[in-house]
Amino acid sequence: MLITDKNIDKGKAFDWGRASADYAKYRDIYPKEFYDKIVVRGLCTVGQKVLDIGTGTGVLPRNLYGYGADWTAADISKEQIVQAKILSDGKNIDYIVSATEDLRFLDGTFDVITACQCFWYFKHEKTAPNFYRMLKNGGRILVLYMAWLPFEDKIAGESEKLVLKYSPNWSGARETIHPIQIPEIYSEYFELVHHEEFPLKVHFTRETWNGRLKACRGIGASLSKEEIAEWECEHKKLLEKIAPEEFDVLHYAAIAELKKK
C-alpha cells in the first residue's frame, strides 16, 4: 500500500510491501537486552492480552511469544502480514491487515498495546482515544524504537550518507540518543510512567548490514528497482573498503511506557 505523509520524507511516497522480503530476512535484529527491558517492566507476559500495532513482519510478538502473552498483531501492509505469518509458523499469533486508525476491538480488550518503530506514522488524534478505549483499566501503551548512531559509528555514518545520496529527503537519518516524543494529545488519556534510552551494539556481516539498509524506508520501500540495484552495488563496494566481514554497529534503543488514566 502506497503511503504519502508530508511529515515523513517530505511527502515522498513509500510502500513497506515492496521491502517485505528483505524486511523479513534482515530486520529481526533486536538484541536480547532490548526484550529484557520490556519483560522486566512486567509487560507482554503470561496472563496479558497484547495488541502489537504496525507489526511489520511480526518481530515483536514472535520474539516475545515465549513469555506467554496472548498476542494480536496488525499492519496496514498485507505483504508484511504474509511474511509475519510465515515466520510465525507454529505460534498462535492472530495477525490482521488493518490501518491502526481502523482497529475496532471491544472496550477494555487489551492489557498492553505495543508500537515498535512505527509510532510516528499514526494519526494520533484518532489513535489516542481509540487506544484508551481498547485498553483495560490501568492498561499500558509501550512505544519502542531502535536506530543506529551515524555520528558515533563510522560504518553507520558512511552507509547513511549513501542512503541520503539516493534518498536525500529521508527523515530517518541523523539520529542521536533522545527520548521518544509523545504527542500532547496522549496526555489527555495517559500518563508517562517510564522512559529509558540506552546504547546497544548490534552484530552484522557485510551481507546482513547491506540487507538492513536495503530494507529501510529510504531505499527498499521508496526507490525504483533500478535505483535500489544501483544503490546496492555502490553500498557493497563501500563496505568492502570500510568494514571487516563481521562487525558491530552502535545503536541506541528507547522505550516510553504510558499508563491509562
Protein backbone atom coordinates (compact mmCIF):
# COMPACT_ATOMS: atom_id res chain seq x y z
CA MET A 1 0.00 0.00 0.00
CA LEU A 2 1.47 3.32 -1.11
CA ILE A 3 1.67 5.87 1.73
CA THR A 4 2.28 9.60 1.46
CA ASP A 5 2.70 11.84 4.50
CA LYS A 6 4.01 15.39 4.27
CA ASN A 7 5.69 14.94 7.66
CA ILE A 8 7.69 11.89 6.52
CA ASP A 9 10.46 12.18 3.90
CA LYS A 10 8.92 15.49 2.77
CA GLY A 11 5.99 13.61 1.32
CA LYS A 12 7.87 11.06 -0.78
CA ALA A 13 5.66 8.00 -1.26
CA PHE A 14 6.68 4.65 0.22
CA ASP A 15 5.27 1.15 0.41
CA TRP A 16 6.56 -1.30 3.01
CA GLY A 17 5.13 -4.16 0.97
CA ARG A 18 7.87 -3.62 -1.60
CA ALA A 19 10.51 -4.25 1.05
CA SER A 20 8.77 -7.13 2.85
CA ALA A 21 11.06 -9.94 1.71
CA ASP A 22 14.18 -8.05 2.80
CA TYR A 23 12.43 -6.81 5.93
CA ALA A 24 11.63 -10.39 6.93
CA LYS A 25 15.19 -11.54 6.30
CA TYR A 26 17.24 -8.67 7.67
CA ARG A 27 15.29 -6.62 10.24
CA ASP A 28 14.82 -9.13 13.05
CA ILE A 29 17.90 -7.68 14.77
CA TYR A 30 16.94 -6.56 18.28
CA PRO A 31 19.37 -8.00 20.86
CA LYS A 32 18.19 -9.85 23.98
CA GLU A 33 18.77 -6.76 26.12
CA PHE A 34 16.07 -4.95 24.15
CA TYR A 35 13.46 -7.58 25.03
CA ASP A 36 14.67 -7.89 28.62
CA LYS A 37 13.87 -4.19 29.15
CA ILE A 38 10.24 -4.94 28.23
CA VAL A 39 9.80 -8.04 30.35
CA VAL A 40 11.41 -6.51 33.44
CA ARG A 41 8.65 -3.89 33.35
CA GLY A 42 6.15 -6.74 33.73
CA LEU A 43 4.80 -6.24 30.22
CA CYS A 44 3.95 -8.74 27.46
CA THR A 45 4.00 -11.69 29.83
CA VAL A 46 1.73 -14.54 30.98
CA GLY A 47 -1.89 -13.58 31.51
CA GLN A 48 -1.80 -10.44 29.38
CA LYS A 49 -3.57 -9.74 26.11
CA VAL A 50 -1.31 -7.65 23.88
CA LEU A 51 -2.02 -5.78 20.64
CA ASP A 52 1.04 -5.01 18.51
CA ILE A 53 0.29 -2.22 16.05
CA GLY A 54 2.36 -1.61 12.93
CA THR A 55 3.71 -5.10 13.49
CA GLY A 56 5.52 -5.36 10.15
CA THR A 57 6.78 -8.94 9.91
CA GLY A 58 5.77 -9.65 13.50
CA VAL A 59 9.21 -9.13 15.02
CA LEU A 60 7.92 -8.12 18.46
CA PRO A 61 5.24 -10.79 19.03
CA ARG A 62 7.46 -13.51 17.59
CA ASN A 63 10.38 -12.72 19.87
CA LEU A 64 8.27 -12.16 22.99
CA TYR A 65 5.95 -15.10 22.35
CA GLY A 66 7.79 -17.37 24.76
CA TYR A 67 6.92 -15.12 27.71
CA GLY A 68 3.33 -16.28 27.49
CA ALA A 69 1.20 -13.30 26.48
CA ASP A 70 -1.80 -13.67 24.15
CA TRP A 71 -0.83 -11.72 21.00
CA THR A 72 -2.83 -9.96 18.31
CA ALA A 73 -0.85 -8.04 15.70
CA ALA A 74 -1.90 -5.66 12.92
CA ASP A 75 -0.25 -3.94 9.98
CA ILE A 76 -1.52 -1.88 7.09
CA SER A 77 0.59 -3.85 4.59
CA LYS A 78 -0.77 -7.22 3.52
CA GLU A 79 2.69 -8.21 2.25
CA GLN A 80 4.16 -7.61 5.70
CA ILE A 81 1.45 -9.75 7.28
CA VAL A 82 2.10 -12.55 4.78
CA GLN A 83 5.74 -12.61 5.87
CA ALA A 84 4.74 -12.40 9.55
CA LYS A 85 2.53 -15.47 9.24
CA ILE A 86 5.29 -17.44 7.51
CA LEU A 87 7.83 -16.53 10.17
CA SER A 88 5.35 -17.27 12.98
CA ASP A 89 4.59 -20.83 11.90
CA GLY A 90 3.72 -22.85 14.98
CA LYS A 91 2.95 -19.78 17.11
CA ASN A 92 -0.61 -18.82 18.00
CA ILE A 93 -0.46 -15.15 16.97
CA ASP A 94 -3.57 -13.56 15.46
CA TYR A 95 -2.42 -11.40 12.53
CA ILE A 96 -4.74 -8.97 10.78
CA VAL A 97 -4.34 -6.48 7.93
CA SER A 98 -5.57 -3.09 9.10
CA ALA A 99 -4.57 0.52 9.42
CA THR A 100 -4.05 1.34 13.09
CA GLU A 101 -6.72 4.05 12.89
CA ASP A 102 -9.29 1.46 11.75
CA LEU A 103 -8.83 -1.06 14.59
CA ARG A 104 -12.14 -1.64 16.36
CA PHE A 105 -11.77 -4.11 19.21
CA LEU A 106 -14.21 -4.11 22.13
CA ASP A 107 -13.70 -1.73 25.03
CA GLY A 108 -11.16 -2.98 27.57
CA THR A 109 -9.85 -5.82 25.40
CA PHE A 110 -6.10 -5.43 25.95
CA ASP A 111 -3.66 -5.12 28.83
CA VAL A 112 -0.89 -3.71 26.63
CA ILE A 113 -0.61 -2.06 23.22
CA THR A 114 2.88 -2.12 21.71
CA ALA A 115 4.24 0.06 18.90
CA CYS A 116 7.76 -0.67 17.69
CA GLN A 117 9.41 1.51 15.00
CA CYS A 118 6.04 2.82 13.85
CA PHE A 119 4.53 5.33 16.28
CA TRP A 120 5.15 8.42 14.12
CA TYR A 121 3.10 7.00 11.23
CA PHE A 122 -0.23 7.25 13.04
CA LYS A 123 -2.94 9.91 13.08
CA HIS A 124 -2.75 10.48 16.82
CA GLU A 125 -5.96 12.45 17.18
CA LYS A 126 -7.71 9.19 16.22
CA THR A 127 -5.43 6.61 17.80
CA ALA A 128 -5.05 8.16 21.28
CA PRO A 129 -8.77 7.89 22.24
CA ASN A 130 -9.08 4.55 20.48
CA PHE A 131 -6.12 3.08 22.38
CA TYR A 132 -7.67 4.40 25.60
CA ARG A 133 -10.95 2.70 24.77
CA MET A 134 -9.41 -0.67 23.81
CA LEU A 135 -7.18 -0.88 26.91
CA LYS A 136 -8.30 -2.25 30.27
CA ASN A 137 -8.18 -0.04 33.35
CA GLY A 138 -4.53 0.65 34.12
CA GLY A 139 -3.52 -0.68 30.71
CA ARG A 140 -0.28 0.36 29.06
CA ILE A 141 0.98 1.65 25.74
CA LEU A 142 4.60 0.66 25.15
CA VAL A 143 6.37 2.66 22.43
CA LEU A 144 9.69 1.21 21.28
CA TYR A 145 12.44 2.39 18.98
CA MET A 146 15.97 1.43 17.92
CA ALA A 147 18.31 3.22 15.49
CA TRP A 148 21.96 3.25 14.51
CA LEU A 149 24.07 6.23 15.57
CA PRO A 150 25.70 7.71 12.44
CA PHE A 151 27.76 10.35 14.25
CA GLU A 152 29.30 7.83 16.64
CA ASP A 153 29.74 4.79 14.41
CA LYS A 154 31.84 5.11 11.21
CA ILE A 155 30.23 2.27 9.27
CA ALA A 156 26.74 3.50 10.12
CA GLY A 157 27.68 7.05 9.20
CA GLU A 158 29.17 6.19 5.81
CA SER A 159 26.28 3.88 4.93
CA GLU A 160 23.77 6.53 5.90
CA LYS A 161 25.47 9.09 3.65
CA LEU A 162 24.92 6.71 0.75
CA VAL A 163 21.25 6.29 1.61
CA LEU A 164 20.90 10.08 1.61
CA LYS A 165 22.62 10.29 -1.77
CA TYR A 166 19.77 8.28 -3.27
CA SER A 167 17.03 9.48 -0.90
CA PRO A 168 18.01 13.00 0.24
CA ASN A 169 14.67 13.70 1.93
CA TRP A 170 14.70 10.52 4.03
CA SER A 171 13.76 11.69 7.52
CA GLY A 172 15.09 8.61 9.30
CA ALA A 173 18.67 9.90 9.15
CA ARG A 174 20.94 11.79 11.56
CA GLU A 175 19.79 10.06 14.74
CA THR A 176 21.15 10.90 18.18
CA ILE A 177 20.14 9.47 21.54
CA HIS A 178 16.93 11.13 22.76
CA PRO A 179 13.64 10.22 24.45
CA ILE A 180 10.69 9.21 22.30
CA GLN A 181 8.48 12.21 21.65
CA ILE A 182 4.88 11.53 22.63
CA PRO A 183 2.27 13.85 21.05
CA GLU A 184 0.49 16.10 23.52
CA ILE A 185 -2.93 14.57 22.84
CA TYR A 186 -1.92 11.40 24.72
CA SER A 187 -1.69 13.38 27.97
CA GLU A 188 -5.49 13.64 27.93
CA TYR A 189 -5.78 9.87 28.25
CA PHE A 190 -2.44 8.57 29.56
CA GLU A 191 0.43 9.44 31.85
CA LEU A 192 4.08 8.74 31.04
CA VAL A 193 5.24 6.41 33.80
CA HIS A 194 8.63 5.37 32.45
CA HIS A 195 11.08 6.21 29.72
CA GLU A 196 14.56 4.92 29.08
CA GLU A 197 17.24 5.38 26.41
CA PHE A 198 20.31 3.16 26.25
CA PRO A 199 23.11 2.21 23.80
CA LEU A 200 23.26 -1.19 22.12
CA LYS A 201 25.75 -2.94 19.88
CA VAL A 202 24.17 -4.97 17.09
CA HIS A 203 26.21 -7.58 15.24
CA PHE A 204 26.23 -7.77 11.43
CA THR A 205 28.07 -9.23 8.49
CA ARG A 206 28.55 -7.19 5.34
CA GLU A 207 25.62 -9.07 3.83
CA THR A 208 23.23 -8.55 6.73
CA TRP A 209 24.16 -4.89 7.17
CA ASN A 210 23.60 -4.30 3.48
CA GLY A 211 20.26 -6.08 3.82
CA ARG A 212 19.32 -4.00 6.85
CA LEU A 213 19.96 -0.77 4.93
CA LYS A 214 18.20 -2.07 1.84
CA ALA A 215 15.11 -2.80 3.98
CA CYS A 216 14.87 0.78 5.28
CA ARG A 217 12.22 3.23 4.11
CA GLY A 218 14.73 5.39 2.26
CA ILE A 219 15.79 2.51 -0.02
CA GLY A 220 13.63 -0.60 -0.39
CA ALA A 221 10.27 0.96 0.43
CA SER A 222 10.59 4.04 -1.78
CA LEU A 223 13.11 3.69 -4.63
CA SER A 224 12.61 2.09 -8.03
CA LYS A 225 14.11 -1.35 -8.72
CA GLU A 226 16.78 0.29 -10.86
CA GLU A 227 17.69 2.77 -8.13
CA ILE A 228 17.80 0.02 -5.49
CA ALA A 229 20.13 -2.07 -7.65
CA GLU A 230 22.43 0.91 -8.25
CA TRP A 231 22.49 1.79 -4.55
CA GLU A 232 23.17 -1.81 -3.55
CA CYS A 233 26.10 -2.14 -5.93
CA GLU A 234 27.63 1.06 -4.58
CA HIS A 235 26.95 0.09 -0.95
CA LYS A 236 28.59 -3.32 -1.29
CA LYS A 237 31.70 -1.70 -2.75
CA LEU A 238 31.71 0.79 0.13
CA LEU A 239 31.52 -1.97 2.72
CA GLU A 240 34.46 -3.80 1.12
CA LYS A 241 36.51 -0.66 1.76
CA ILE A 242 35.38 0.33 5.25
CA ALA A 243 34.10 -2.78 7.03
CA PRO A 244 35.51 -6.19 8.01
CA GLU A 245 33.46 -9.25 7.16
CA GLU A 246 31.81 -9.12 10.62
CA PHE A 247 31.35 -6.11 12.87
CA ASP A 248 29.14 -4.42 15.46
CA VAL A 249 27.18 -1.25 14.76
CA LEU A 250 26.42 1.12 17.62
CA HIS A 251 22.70 1.75 18.07
CA TYR A 252 20.51 3.17 20.77
CA ALA A 253 17.13 1.96 21.95
CA ALA A 254 14.35 3.99 23.54
CA ILE A 255 11.26 3.00 25.50
CA ALA A 256 8.26 5.04 26.56
CA GLU A 257 5.58 3.47 28.78
CA LEU A 258 2.20 5.20 29.05
CA LYS A 259 -0.43 4.23 31.63
CA LYS A 260 -4.17 4.64 31.04
CA LYS A 261 -5.61 7.29 33.35
